[in-house]
């Protein structure tokens, strides 16, 4: 008896590092993302939570920004100035900082400044090229949410491996009130 013929066309594969979209990871683990990226203010007409580009957020009516605070986040690209949103931080629930390339670290500085200088208490999210060796540093400077699409990092995080080192030379906003965590301090 012969086996039935099957379709032998090769299946399209997803390129490494690509997938249906990034997964949201926090130090508590992977979770569903309540936020969506949008390109226009019309998104706020619905009931969802939206991350809008800086230019769109700056162009919103101030009353709309205030009334939509719990549903409004802003996306800053590395070249965007943090000063542009400092006066609006009380009207934002989330600041997403982009990492379009692994070798552009300007968003690290913005996260640290948001936490230490501007005392931003909302969510700070990393989006874009979030890589294995950068995640522990991102946690130290104040990021608390990560859009992860890199398959190796996803695998490590699924196994509970965040990586990093236990001793640091420089204090960060994450270390305030934690004495004895620096390798250069002695007893």
C-alpha atoms as a PDB file:
ATOM      1  CA  UNK A   1       0.000   0.000   0.000  1.00  0.00           C
ATOM      2  CA  UNK A   2       1.365   3.370  -0.943  1.00  0.00           C
ATOM      3  CA  UNK A   3       1.334   6.357   1.385  1.00  0.00           C
ATOM      4  CA  UNK A   4      -0.741   9.295   0.189  1.00  0.00           C
ATOM      5  CA  UNK A   5       1.144  12.019  -1.599  1.00  0.00           C
ATOM      6  CA  UNK A   6       1.747  15.173   0.392  1.00  0.00           C
ATOM      7  CA  UNK A   7       2.590  18.662  -0.692  1.00  0.00           C
ATOM      8  CA  UNK A   8       6.368  18.801  -0.841  1.00  0.00           C
ATOM      9  CA  UNK A   9       6.767  22.535  -1.335  1.00  0.00           C
ATOM     10  CA  UNK A  10       9.341  23.951   1.082  1.00  0.00           C
ATOM     11  CA  UNK A  11       7.813  25.823   3.981  1.00  0.00           C
ATOM     12  CA  UNK A  12       8.680  29.475   4.388  1.00  0.00           C
ATOM     13  CA  UNK A  13      10.829  29.957   7.419  1.00  0.00           C
ATOM     14  CA  UNK A  14      11.047  32.945   9.683  1.00  0.00           C
ATOM     15  CA  UNK A  15      14.536  34.495   9.558  1.00  0.00           C
ATOM     16  CA  UNK A  16      16.556  34.265  12.749  1.00  0.00           C
ATOM     17  CA  UNK A  17      15.775  37.151  15.040  1.00  0.00           C
ATOM     18  CA  UNK A  18      12.454  37.754  13.326  1.00  0.00           C
ATOM     19  CA  UNK A  19       9.111  36.596  14.589  1.00  0.00           C
ATOM     20  CA  UNK A  20       5.516  37.606  14.856  1.00  0.00           C
ATOM     21  CA  UNK A  21       6.572  40.528  17.019  1.00  0.00           C
ATOM     22  CA  UNK A  22       8.484  41.299  20.167  1.00  0.00           C
ATOM     23  CA  UNK A  23       7.539  39.733  23.475  1.00  0.00           C
ATOM     24  CA  UNK A  24       7.231  41.851  26.587  1.00  0.00           C
ATOM     25  CA  UNK A  25       9.552  40.887  29.450  1.00  0.00           C
ATOM     26  CA  UNK A  26       9.765  42.426  32.916  1.00  0.00           C
ATOM     27  CA  UNK A  27      11.858  41.256  35.889  1.00  0.00           C
ATOM     28  CA  UNK A  28       8.734  39.278  36.909  1.00  0.00           C
ATOM     29  CA  UNK A  29       8.860  37.350  33.595  1.00  0.00           C
ATOM     30  CA  UNK A  30       7.116  37.411  30.235  1.00  0.00           C
ATOM     31  CA  UNK A  31       3.617  38.858  30.148  1.00  0.00           C
ATOM     32  CA  UNK A  32       0.956  40.132  27.798  1.00  0.00           C
ATOM     33  CA  UNK A  33       1.623  43.624  26.504  1.00  0.00           C
ATOM     34  CA  UNK A  34      -1.188  46.065  27.314  1.00  0.00           C
ATOM     35  CA  UNK A  35       0.392  48.733  25.096  1.00  0.00           C
ATOM     36  CA  UNK A  36       0.325  49.127  21.311  1.00  0.00           C
ATOM     37  CA  UNK A  37       2.543  51.291  19.146  1.00  0.00           C
ATOM     38  CA  UNK A  38       0.584  53.812  17.066  1.00  0.00           C
ATOM     39  CA  UNK A  39       1.603  56.478  14.594  1.00  0.00           C
ATOM     40  CA  UNK A  40      -1.186  59.028  15.098  1.00  0.00           C
ATOM     41  CA  UNK A  41      -3.286  60.665  17.806  1.00  0.00           C
ATOM     42  CA  UNK A  42      -6.417  59.038  16.347  1.00  0.00           C
ATOM     43  CA  UNK A  43      -5.437  55.887  18.241  1.00  0.00           C
ATOM     44  CA  UNK A  44      -6.427  57.611  21.486  1.00  0.00           C
ATOM     45  CA  UNK A  45     -10.055  57.683  20.321  1.00  0.00           C
ATOM     46  CA  UNK A  46     -10.239  54.011  21.346  1.00  0.00           C
ATOM     47  CA  UNK A  47      -9.867  52.580  24.825  1.00  0.00           C
ATOM     48  CA  UNK A  48      -6.432  50.992  24.469  1.00  0.00           C
ATOM     49  CA  UNK A  49      -3.055  52.094  25.766  1.00  0.00           C
ATOM     50  CA  UNK A  50      -0.811  53.589  23.091  1.00  0.00           C
ATOM     51  CA  UNK A  51       2.837  54.491  22.657  1.00  0.00           C
ATOM     52  CA  UNK A  52       3.059  57.440  20.283  1.00  0.00           C
ATOM     53  CA  UNK A  53       6.089  59.072  18.627  1.00  0.00           C
ATOM     54  CA  UNK A  54       7.452  62.188  20.323  1.00  0.00           C
ATOM     55  CA  UNK A  55       6.190  64.610  17.655  1.00  0.00           C
ATOM     56  CA  UNK A  56       2.628  63.308  18.039  1.00  0.00           C
ATOM     57  CA  UNK A  57       2.686  63.552  21.847  1.00  0.00           C
ATOM     58  CA  UNK A  58       4.050  67.097  21.697  1.00  0.00           C
ATOM     59  CA  UNK A  59       1.289  68.059  19.275  1.00  0.00           C
ATOM     60  CA  UNK A  60      -1.556  66.759  21.459  1.00  0.00           C
ATOM     61  CA  UNK A  61      -3.933  69.159  23.114  1.00  0.00           C
ATOM     62  CA  UNK A  62      -2.749  69.560  26.744  1.00  0.00           C
ATOM     63  CA  UNK A  63      -6.202  68.629  28.073  1.00  0.00           C
ATOM     64  CA  UNK A  64      -6.205  65.439  25.994  1.00  0.00           C
ATOM     65  CA  UNK A  65      -2.752  64.542  27.327  1.00  0.00           C
ATOM     66  CA  UNK A  66      -3.947  65.007  30.904  1.00  0.00           C
ATOM     67  CA  UNK A  67      -7.170  63.054  30.433  1.00  0.00           C
ATOM     68  CA  UNK A  68      -5.393  60.206  28.601  1.00  0.00           C
ATOM     69  CA  UNK A  69      -2.467  59.895  31.038  1.00  0.00           C
ATOM     70  CA  UNK A  70      -3.115  56.251  31.968  1.00  0.00           C
ATOM     71  CA  UNK A  71      -3.328  55.328  28.275  1.00  0.00           C
ATOM     72  CA  UNK A  72      -0.520  57.499  26.912  1.00  0.00           C
ATOM     73  CA  UNK A  73       3.108  56.604  26.367  1.00  0.00           C
ATOM     74  CA  UNK A  74       5.801  58.258  24.290  1.00  0.00           C
ATOM     75  CA  UNK A  75       8.526  56.735  22.114  1.00  0.00           C
ATOM     76  CA  UNK A  76      11.852  58.558  22.109  1.00  0.00           C
ATOM     77  CA  UNK A  77      14.398  57.795  19.420  1.00  0.00           C
ATOM     78  CA  UNK A  78      18.098  58.138  20.325  1.00  0.00           C
ATOM     79  CA  UNK A  79      18.324  61.564  18.657  1.00  0.00           C
ATOM     80  CA  UNK A  80      15.252  62.942  20.451  1.00  0.00           C
ATOM     81  CA  UNK A  81      15.982  65.281  23.340  1.00  0.00           C
ATOM     82  CA  UNK A  82      14.783  64.152  26.761  1.00  0.00           C
ATOM     83  CA  UNK A  83      14.185  67.809  27.649  1.00  0.00           C
ATOM     84  CA  UNK A  84      11.271  67.794  25.183  1.00  0.00           C
ATOM     85  CA  UNK A  85       9.170  65.683  27.583  1.00  0.00           C
ATOM     86  CA  UNK A  86      10.476  66.724  31.010  1.00  0.00           C
ATOM     87  CA  UNK A  87       7.545  69.101  31.584  1.00  0.00           C
ATOM     88  CA  UNK A  88       5.120  66.388  30.416  1.00  0.00           C
ATOM     89  CA  UNK A  89       6.315  63.499  32.606  1.00  0.00           C
ATOM     90  CA  UNK A  90       3.369  63.903  34.967  1.00  0.00           C
ATOM     91  CA  UNK A  91       1.089  63.320  31.946  1.00  0.00           C
ATOM     92  CA  UNK A  92       2.736  60.066  30.807  1.00  0.00           C
ATOM     93  CA  UNK A  93       2.485  56.527  32.158  1.00  0.00           C
ATOM     94  CA  UNK A  94       5.243  55.074  30.012  1.00  0.00           C
ATOM     95  CA  UNK A  95       8.374  56.275  28.246  1.00  0.00           C
ATOM     96  CA  UNK A  96       9.679  53.881  25.591  1.00  0.00           C
ATOM     97  CA  UNK A  97      13.313  54.404  24.642  1.00  0.00           C
ATOM     98  CA  UNK A  98      14.395  53.058  21.266  1.00  0.00           C
ATOM     99  CA  UNK A  99      17.514  51.047  20.528  1.00  0.00           C
ATOM    100  CA  UNK A 100      17.454  50.930  16.707  1.00  0.00           C
ATOM    101  CA  UNK A 101      21.041  49.620  16.613  1.00  0.00           C
ATOM    102  CA  UNK A 102      23.022  47.660  19.190  1.00  0.00           C
ATOM    103  CA  UNK A 103      25.860  50.201  19.158  1.00  0.00           C
ATOM    104  CA  UNK A 104      23.759  53.277  19.988  1.00  0.00           C
ATOM    105  CA  UNK A 105      23.646  53.697  23.759  1.00  0.00           C
ATOM    106  CA  UNK A 106      22.069  57.135  24.068  1.00  0.00           C
ATOM    107  CA  UNK A 107      18.880  55.614  25.458  1.00  0.00           C
ATOM    108  CA  UNK A 108      20.853  54.237  28.440  1.00  0.00           C
ATOM    109  CA  UNK A 109      21.592  57.809  29.517  1.00  0.00           C
ATOM    110  CA  UNK A 110      17.979  58.865  29.046  1.00  0.00           C
ATOM    111  CA  UNK A 111      16.737  56.045  31.284  1.00  0.00           C
ATOM    112  CA  UNK A 112      19.200  56.965  34.027  1.00  0.00           C
ATOM    113  CA  UNK A 113      18.223  60.643  33.813  1.00  0.00           C
ATOM    114  CA  UNK A 114      14.511  59.834  33.876  1.00  0.00           C
ATOM    115  CA  UNK A 115      14.958  57.929  37.138  1.00  0.00           C
ATOM    116  CA  UNK A 116      17.670  59.890  38.955  1.00  0.00           C
ATOM    117  CA  UNK A 117      17.293  63.506  37.875  1.00  0.00           C
ATOM    118  CA  UNK A 118      13.617  63.687  36.897  1.00  0.00           C
ATOM    119  CA  UNK A 119      12.244  61.107  39.398  1.00  0.00           C
ATOM    120  CA  UNK A 120       9.962  59.565  36.761  1.00  0.00           C
ATOM    121  CA  UNK A 121       7.928  56.835  38.461  1.00  0.00           C
ATOM    122  CA  UNK A 122       6.125  55.478  35.388  1.00  0.00           C
ATOM    123  CA  UNK A 123       7.323  52.587  33.247  1.00  0.00           C
ATOM    124  CA  UNK A 124      10.542  52.932  31.261  1.00  0.00           C
ATOM    125  CA  UNK A 125      10.590  50.486  28.364  1.00  0.00           C
ATOM    126  CA  UNK A 126      13.396  49.425  26.029  1.00  0.00           C
ATOM    127  CA  UNK A 127      12.357  48.742  22.457  1.00  0.00           C
ATOM    128  CA  UNK A 128      14.331  47.693  19.399  1.00  0.00           C
ATOM    129  CA  UNK A 129      17.693  45.954  19.618  1.00  0.00           C
ATOM    130  CA  UNK A 130      17.538  44.615  23.185  1.00  0.00           C
ATOM    131  CA  UNK A 131      20.438  42.155  23.378  1.00  0.00           C
ATOM    132  CA  UNK A 132      21.788  39.610  25.855  1.00  0.00           C
ATOM    133  CA  UNK A 133      24.779  41.531  27.150  1.00  0.00           C
ATOM    134  CA  UNK A 134      22.884  44.819  27.473  1.00  0.00           C
ATOM    135  CA  UNK A 135      19.907  43.637  29.535  1.00  0.00           C
ATOM    136  CA  UNK A 136      21.626  43.648  32.972  1.00  0.00           C
ATOM    137  CA  UNK A 137      22.894  47.180  32.319  1.00  0.00           C
ATOM    138  CA  UNK A 138      19.442  48.303  31.207  1.00  0.00           C
ATOM    139  CA  UNK A 139      17.990  47.004  34.465  1.00  0.00           C
ATOM    140  CA  UNK A 140      20.595  48.937  36.469  1.00  0.00           C
ATOM    141  CA  UNK A 141      19.861  52.289  34.844  1.00  0.00           C
ATOM    142  CA  UNK A 142      16.121  52.142  35.352  1.00  0.00           C
ATOM    143  CA  UNK A 143      14.430  50.163  32.581  1.00  0.00           C
ATOM    144  CA  UNK A 144      11.646  47.954  33.874  1.00  0.00           C
ATOM    145  CA  UNK A 145      10.033  46.661  30.650  1.00  0.00           C
ATOM    146  CA  UNK A 146      11.625  45.222  27.518  1.00  0.00           C
ATOM    147  CA  UNK A 147      10.274  44.444  24.064  1.00  0.00           C
ATOM    148  CA  UNK A 148      12.391  41.399  23.257  1.00  0.00           C
ATOM    149  CA  UNK A 149      12.645  39.870  19.798  1.00  0.00           C
ATOM    150  CA  UNK A 150      16.172  38.418  19.839  1.00  0.00           C
ATOM    151  CA  UNK A 151      15.710  34.613  19.958  1.00  0.00           C
ATOM    152  CA  UNK A 152      18.795  33.905  22.073  1.00  0.00           C
ATOM    153  CA  UNK A 153      17.744  36.457  24.689  1.00  0.00           C
ATOM    154  CA  UNK A 154      14.184  35.093  24.685  1.00  0.00           C
ATOM    155  CA  UNK A 155      15.569  31.608  25.345  1.00  0.00           C
ATOM    156  CA  UNK A 156      17.751  32.794  28.204  1.00  0.00           C
ATOM    157  CA  UNK A 157      14.943  34.769  29.794  1.00  0.00           C
ATOM    158  CA  UNK A 158      12.591  31.797  29.504  1.00  0.00           C
ATOM    159  CA  UNK A 159      15.219  29.842  31.476  1.00  0.00           C
ATOM    160  CA  UNK A 160      15.467  32.593  34.101  1.00  0.00           C
ATOM    161  CA  UNK A 161      18.982  33.660  33.071  1.00  0.00           C
ATOM    162  CA  UNK A 162      19.226  37.449  33.150  1.00  0.00           C
ATOM    163  CA  UNK A 163      23.027  37.478  33.308  1.00  0.00           C
ATOM    164  CA  UNK A 164      25.136  40.301  34.669  1.00  0.00           C
ATOM    165  CA  UNK A 165      27.673  40.720  37.442  1.00  0.00           C
ATOM    166  CA  UNK A 166      27.168  41.128  41.166  1.00  0.00           C
ATOM    167  CA  UNK A 167      29.676  43.949  41.688  1.00  0.00           C
ATOM    168  CA  UNK A 168      29.780  47.358  40.000  1.00  0.00           C
ATOM    169  CA  UNK A 169      32.176  50.268  39.878  1.00  0.00           C
ATOM    170  CA  UNK A 170      29.594  53.014  39.402  1.00  0.00           C
ATOM    171  CA  UNK A 171      26.430  53.575  41.390  1.00  0.00           C
ATOM    172  CA  UNK A 172      23.144  54.048  39.519  1.00  0.00           C
ATOM    173  CA  UNK A 173      19.642  55.095  40.436  1.00  0.00           C
ATOM    174  CA  UNK A 174      18.856  51.394  41.003  1.00  0.00           C
ATOM    175  CA  UNK A 175      21.480  51.241  43.773  1.00  0.00           C
ATOM    176  CA  UNK A 176      20.285  54.113  45.936  1.00  0.00           C
ATOM    177  CA  UNK A 177      19.972  52.891  49.516  1.00  0.00           C
ATOM    178  CA  UNK A 178      21.839  49.630  48.891  1.00  0.00           C
ATOM    179  CA  UNK A 179      25.182  49.962  50.700  1.00  0.00           C
ATOM    180  CA  UNK A 180      28.104  47.677  50.003  1.00  0.00           C
ATOM    181  CA  UNK A 181      27.219  46.822  46.400  1.00  0.00           C
ATOM    182  CA  UNK A 182      30.269  48.440  44.798  1.00  0.00           C
ATOM    183  CA  UNK A 183      33.551  46.619  44.399  1.00  0.00           C
ATOM    184  CA  UNK A 184      35.543  49.778  45.137  1.00  0.00           C
ATOM    185  CA  UNK A 185      33.929  50.325  48.540  1.00  0.00           C
ATOM    186  CA  UNK A 186      35.480  48.553  51.449  1.00  0.00           C
ATOM    187  CA  UNK A 187      33.513  47.609  54.499  1.00  0.00           C
END
